[in-house]
Amino acid sequence: MTIIKMIKKEISHPDGAFIYGLSDLHVGSKEFNENEFKKFTQSILKEDNRYCVIVGDIIDNGTKNSVTGPYEATMSPREQREYAAELLLPIRDRILCMVAGNHERRSTKDTDTDPAELIAERLDIWELYRENMVFLSLKIGQRSSNSVRPPNYCICVSHGTSGGQLIGAGLNRADQFAIASGADLVVMGHSHKPAVAPAARLECLHRQGVMVQRKYAIMICTAWLDYGGYPMQASYKPLPISPNRVWLESNQFGMELMQTV
């Protein structure tokens, strides 16, 4: 039997909370749009009920055997780790969990050194880090009475693997896993194709002897890259920097997906 230990967090804000997915910064890439990312992190700090999950590919981490090599980068992989931690430091207390991406796994595979884990240690959030996938149990709001309890949300965070060229590739891959995972919200990155989608599945309530419809949501994070480099070389179309977020209700279970255009 597989047992996966969840990370448990509580946000006591009475009005609910916004959750942002931060993925595919590719710090060290010439195409990394640092100015846009800094403005975005500053916006998170403007309200005390804005939080984020880190979804991998924080650094570009080019190696001699990867598609993007080390000689194309603006800094060495070690410098990328240090600078990425510096960029994330202002929002450290807003980070709920963190996973690695395929670019960090280049080093894990070759040298047994995980750059994402080192960044988490540098930020002093190592207990919130998982290499492959996080299941986050998130309670939102405050208990108002013995009969009214704050809702709990099960959030699955994984970097993802979809490399399809169509705009729905990331959503299709995430939806397959969302059905299997049972999570209320699945957050992925990797495809660089930002998107959000509501969905539903049937669940069995044995005690009542009925099947019920339960809603869930999918959020595919934006990348923080301008057009150029490998995508231009491979004749891929440009993709927007388009952050998204989900609003989690506090007085009852409810989610609202929001996509910036």
Protein backbone atom coordinates (compact mmCIF):
# COMPACT_ATOMS: atom_id res chain seq x y z
CA MET A 1 0.00 0.00 0.00
CA THR A 2 1.32 3.44 -0.95
CA ILE A 3 1.04 6.08 1.77
CA ILE A 4 2.00 9.66 0.99
CA LYS A 5 2.41 12.01 3.93
CA MET A 6 0.75 15.38 3.36
CA ILE A 7 2.05 18.80 4.31
CA LYS A 8 -0.52 20.45 6.58
CA LYS A 9 -0.96 24.21 6.62
CA GLU A 10 -3.58 26.61 7.98
CA ILE A 11 -4.48 30.10 6.78
CA SER A 12 -6.67 31.76 9.37
CA HIS A 13 -7.70 34.75 7.26
CA PRO A 14 -11.50 35.06 7.65
CA ASP A 15 -12.20 36.11 4.06
CA GLY A 16 -10.34 33.31 2.23
CA ALA A 17 -7.03 33.20 0.40
CA PHE A 18 -5.45 33.51 -3.03
CA ILE A 19 -3.03 30.78 -4.08
CA TYR A 20 -0.54 31.48 -6.89
CA GLY A 21 1.59 28.93 -8.72
CA LEU A 22 5.19 30.00 -9.37
CA SER A 23 6.87 27.80 -11.95
CA ASP A 24 9.47 27.86 -14.73
CA LEU A 25 11.46 30.93 -13.76
CA HIS A 26 14.56 29.46 -15.43
CA VAL A 27 16.84 31.82 -13.54
CA GLY A 28 20.09 31.98 -15.53
CA SER A 29 18.39 31.87 -18.90
CA LYS A 30 18.92 34.93 -21.10
CA GLU A 31 15.15 34.97 -21.62
CA PHE A 32 14.22 35.13 -17.91
CA ASN A 33 12.10 38.27 -17.44
CA GLU A 34 13.35 39.30 -14.03
CA ASN A 35 11.53 42.63 -13.96
CA GLU A 36 8.13 41.02 -14.51
CA PHE A 37 8.82 38.40 -11.87
CA LYS A 38 9.91 40.96 -9.28
CA LYS A 39 6.77 43.01 -9.88
CA PHE A 40 4.70 39.87 -9.44
CA THR A 41 6.30 38.91 -6.13
CA GLN A 42 5.77 42.47 -4.88
CA SER A 43 2.07 42.14 -5.73
CA ILE A 44 1.82 39.01 -3.57
CA LEU A 45 3.03 41.01 -0.58
CA LYS A 46 0.40 43.72 -1.00
CA GLU A 47 -2.29 41.63 0.75
CA ASP A 48 -1.87 39.34 3.74
CA ASN A 49 -4.02 36.56 2.25
CA ARG A 50 -1.91 35.93 -0.85
CA TYR A 51 0.21 32.77 -0.88
CA CYS A 52 2.08 30.68 -3.43
CA VAL A 53 3.34 27.21 -4.25
CA ILE A 54 6.68 26.70 -6.03
CA VAL A 55 6.32 24.30 -8.96
CA GLY A 56 9.86 23.66 -10.21
CA ASP A 57 12.32 24.75 -12.91
CA ILE A 58 13.35 27.59 -10.68
CA ILE A 59 16.76 27.66 -12.34
CA ASP A 60 17.73 26.90 -15.93
CA ASN A 61 20.62 24.64 -14.85
CA GLY A 62 22.04 23.91 -18.29
CA THR A 63 24.51 21.01 -18.49
CA LYS A 64 26.73 19.77 -21.28
CA ASN A 65 24.21 17.03 -22.11
CA SER A 66 21.01 19.12 -21.91
CA VAL A 67 19.14 20.94 -24.67
CA THR A 68 20.20 24.28 -23.20
CA GLY A 69 23.90 24.19 -22.37
CA PRO A 70 25.88 25.99 -19.63
CA TYR A 71 27.61 28.31 -22.10
CA GLU A 72 24.31 29.99 -23.02
CA ALA A 73 23.50 30.99 -19.44
CA THR A 74 23.97 34.38 -17.80
CA MET A 75 25.51 32.79 -14.70
CA SER A 76 26.79 29.44 -13.46
CA PRO A 77 24.38 26.88 -11.94
CA ARG A 78 25.71 27.65 -8.46
CA GLU A 79 25.12 31.37 -9.01
CA GLN A 80 21.66 30.55 -10.35
CA ARG A 81 20.79 28.77 -7.09
CA GLU A 82 22.03 31.65 -4.98
CA TYR A 83 20.26 34.29 -7.04
CA ALA A 84 17.00 32.33 -7.18
CA ALA A 85 16.99 32.14 -3.37
CA GLU A 86 17.58 35.88 -3.25
CA LEU A 87 14.61 36.51 -5.57
CA LEU A 88 12.31 34.28 -3.51
CA LEU A 89 13.45 35.52 -0.09
CA PRO A 90 10.90 38.41 0.12
CA ILE A 91 7.99 35.95 -0.21
CA ARG A 92 9.50 33.14 1.86
CA ASP A 93 6.76 33.37 4.49
CA ARG A 94 4.08 33.11 1.77
CA ILE A 95 5.41 29.83 0.32
CA LEU A 96 3.18 26.86 1.21
CA CYS A 97 5.20 24.11 -0.49
CA MET A 98 7.86 23.54 -3.14
CA VAL A 99 8.81 20.85 -5.67
CA ALA A 100 11.64 20.39 -8.18
CA GLY A 101 11.35 20.47 -11.97
CA ASN A 102 13.07 18.58 -14.74
CA HIS A 103 15.79 21.25 -15.00
CA GLU A 104 16.78 20.72 -11.36
CA ARG A 105 16.67 16.95 -11.88
CA ARG A 106 19.50 17.23 -14.40
CA SER A 107 21.87 17.69 -11.47
CA THR A 108 20.08 15.12 -9.32
CA LYS A 109 20.58 12.52 -12.04
CA ASP A 110 24.20 13.35 -12.81
CA THR A 111 25.61 14.28 -9.41
CA ASP A 112 23.02 13.34 -6.74
CA THR A 113 22.74 17.05 -5.89
CA ASP A 114 19.29 18.62 -5.92
CA PRO A 115 19.47 22.38 -6.64
CA ALA A 116 15.82 22.90 -5.65
CA GLU A 117 16.43 21.29 -2.27
CA LEU A 118 19.46 23.53 -1.75
CA ILE A 119 17.33 26.59 -2.56
CA ALA A 120 14.72 25.42 -0.04
CA GLU A 121 17.44 25.00 2.58
CA ARG A 122 18.77 28.48 1.79
CA LEU A 123 15.26 29.88 2.34
CA ASP A 124 14.88 27.83 5.55
CA ILE A 125 11.76 26.09 4.23
CA TRP A 126 13.27 22.63 3.79
CA GLU A 127 10.32 21.00 5.59
CA LEU A 128 8.02 22.32 2.83
CA TYR A 129 10.06 20.74 0.03
CA ARG A 130 9.44 17.50 -1.84
CA GLU A 131 11.41 16.34 -4.86
CA ASN A 132 8.61 14.93 -7.01
CA MET A 133 5.16 15.85 -5.73
CA VAL A 134 3.44 17.52 -2.79
CA PHE A 135 -0.01 16.82 -1.41
CA LEU A 136 -0.95 19.86 0.64
CA SER A 137 -3.76 19.78 3.21
CA LEU A 138 -4.81 23.40 3.51
CA LYS A 139 -7.36 24.70 6.01
CA ILE A 140 -8.77 28.15 5.23
CA GLY A 141 -10.52 30.46 7.71
CA GLN A 142 -11.48 30.35 11.37
CA ARG A 143 -13.92 28.17 13.27
CA SER A 144 -16.98 30.29 14.02
CA SER A 145 -18.95 27.75 16.06
CA ASN A 146 -19.04 24.10 17.04
CA SER A 147 -21.06 23.28 13.94
CA VAL A 148 -19.24 25.49 11.40
CA ARG A 149 -15.68 24.45 10.67
CA PRO A 150 -13.23 25.96 8.14
CA PRO A 151 -13.04 23.98 4.90
CA ASN A 152 -10.05 21.80 4.07
CA TYR A 153 -8.60 21.68 0.57
CA CYS A 154 -6.42 18.93 -0.85
CA ILE A 155 -3.93 20.49 -3.27
CA CYS A 156 -1.55 18.45 -5.41
CA VAL A 157 1.56 20.25 -6.69
CA SER A 158 3.78 18.63 -9.32
CA HIS A 159 6.00 20.09 -12.02
CA GLY A 160 4.39 17.97 -14.74
CA THR A 161 5.73 16.26 -17.85
CA SER A 162 3.58 17.27 -20.81
CA GLY A 163 5.59 18.46 -23.82
CA GLY A 164 2.78 18.70 -26.35
CA GLN A 165 2.66 21.71 -28.66
CA LEU A 166 -1.08 22.34 -28.49
CA ILE A 167 -2.32 24.84 -25.92
CA GLY A 168 -4.31 22.20 -24.02
CA ALA A 169 -1.42 19.76 -23.61
CA GLY A 170 -0.70 20.71 -19.99
CA LEU A 171 -4.39 20.66 -19.05
CA ASN A 172 -4.92 17.22 -20.59
CA ARG A 173 -2.01 15.71 -18.71
CA ALA A 174 -3.02 17.35 -15.44
CA ASP A 175 -6.63 16.25 -15.81
CA GLN A 176 -5.61 12.60 -16.20
CA PHE A 177 -3.73 12.76 -12.93
CA ALA A 178 -6.37 14.86 -11.15
CA ILE A 179 -8.95 12.13 -11.65
CA ALA A 180 -6.56 9.55 -10.17
CA SER A 181 -5.25 11.71 -7.32
CA GLY A 182 -8.55 12.75 -5.76
CA ALA A 183 -7.18 16.26 -5.13
CA ASP A 184 -9.43 19.31 -5.11
CA LEU A 185 -6.81 21.37 -6.96
CA VAL A 186 -3.94 20.21 -9.15
CA VAL A 187 -1.16 22.72 -9.90
CA MET A 188 1.44 21.96 -12.57
CA GLY A 189 3.93 23.78 -14.78
CA HIS A 190 6.46 22.57 -17.35
CA SER A 191 4.45 23.16 -20.52
CA HIS A 192 4.83 26.97 -20.28
CA LYS A 193 1.20 27.20 -21.44
CA PRO A 194 -0.73 28.99 -18.67
CA ALA A 195 -4.30 27.80 -18.29
CA VAL A 196 -7.04 27.11 -15.74
CA ALA A 197 -9.96 24.72 -15.94
CA PRO A 198 -12.82 23.64 -13.68
CA ALA A 199 -13.78 19.98 -13.80
CA ALA A 200 -15.83 17.36 -11.95
CA ARG A 201 -15.76 13.64 -11.17
CA LEU A 202 -18.03 11.11 -9.52
CA GLU A 203 -17.21 9.85 -6.04
CA CYS A 204 -18.71 6.96 -4.12
CA LEU A 205 -20.33 7.49 -0.71
CA HIS A 206 -20.65 3.93 0.54
CA ARG A 207 -22.51 4.77 3.75
CA GLN A 208 -25.25 6.64 1.90
CA GLY A 209 -25.21 4.23 -1.02
CA VAL A 210 -24.92 7.00 -3.64
CA MET A 211 -22.55 8.46 -6.20
CA VAL A 212 -22.04 12.22 -5.90
CA GLN A 213 -20.51 14.77 -8.22
CA ARG A 214 -17.50 16.59 -6.79
CA LYS A 215 -15.82 19.58 -8.37
CA TYR A 216 -12.07 19.95 -8.77
CA ALA A 217 -9.80 22.46 -10.49
CA ILE A 218 -6.63 22.51 -12.58
CA MET A 219 -4.09 25.30 -12.81
CA ILE A 220 -1.15 25.26 -15.25
CA CYS A 221 1.41 27.91 -14.33
CA THR A 222 2.99 30.44 -16.62
CA ALA A 223 6.69 30.54 -17.43
CA TRP A 224 8.62 33.77 -16.82
CA LEU A 225 10.45 33.79 -20.15
CA ASP A 226 10.55 36.15 -23.10
CA TYR A 227 10.62 34.63 -26.57
CA GLY A 228 14.02 33.48 -27.78
CA GLY A 229 16.64 30.81 -27.24
CA TYR A 230 15.59 27.20 -27.76
CA PRO A 231 11.89 27.90 -28.54
CA MET A 232 12.91 30.23 -31.35
CA GLN A 233 15.56 27.78 -32.57
CA ALA A 234 12.96 24.97 -32.68
CA SER A 235 10.34 27.21 -34.35
CA TYR A 236 7.96 27.00 -31.39
CA LYS A 237 5.40 29.77 -31.14
CA PRO A 238 5.84 32.45 -28.43
CA LEU A 239 3.91 32.06 -25.19
CA PRO A 240 2.64 34.81 -22.90
CA ILE A 241 3.75 35.57 -19.36
CA SER A 242 0.29 35.21 -17.89
CA PRO A 243 0.11 34.48 -14.14
CA ASN A 244 -2.96 32.76 -12.73
CA ARG A 245 -4.39 32.12 -9.30
CA VAL A 246 -7.16 30.37 -7.41
CA TRP A 247 -9.38 31.87 -4.72
CA LEU A 248 -10.22 29.51 -1.85
CA GLU A 249 -13.33 30.28 0.20
CA SER A 250 -13.16 30.31 4.00
CA ASN A 251 -16.79 30.03 5.14
CA GLN A 252 -17.59 27.05 2.90
CA PHE A 253 -15.80 24.87 0.38
CA GLY A 254 -15.44 26.78 -2.88
CA MET A 255 -12.81 27.68 -5.48
CA GLU A 256 -12.63 30.36 -8.16
CA LEU A 257 -10.01 30.17 -10.92
CA MET A 258 -8.57 33.37 -12.39
CA GLN A 259 -6.35 33.72 -15.46
CA THR A 260 -4.53 36.96 -16.33
CA VAL A 261 -4.55 37.89 -20.02
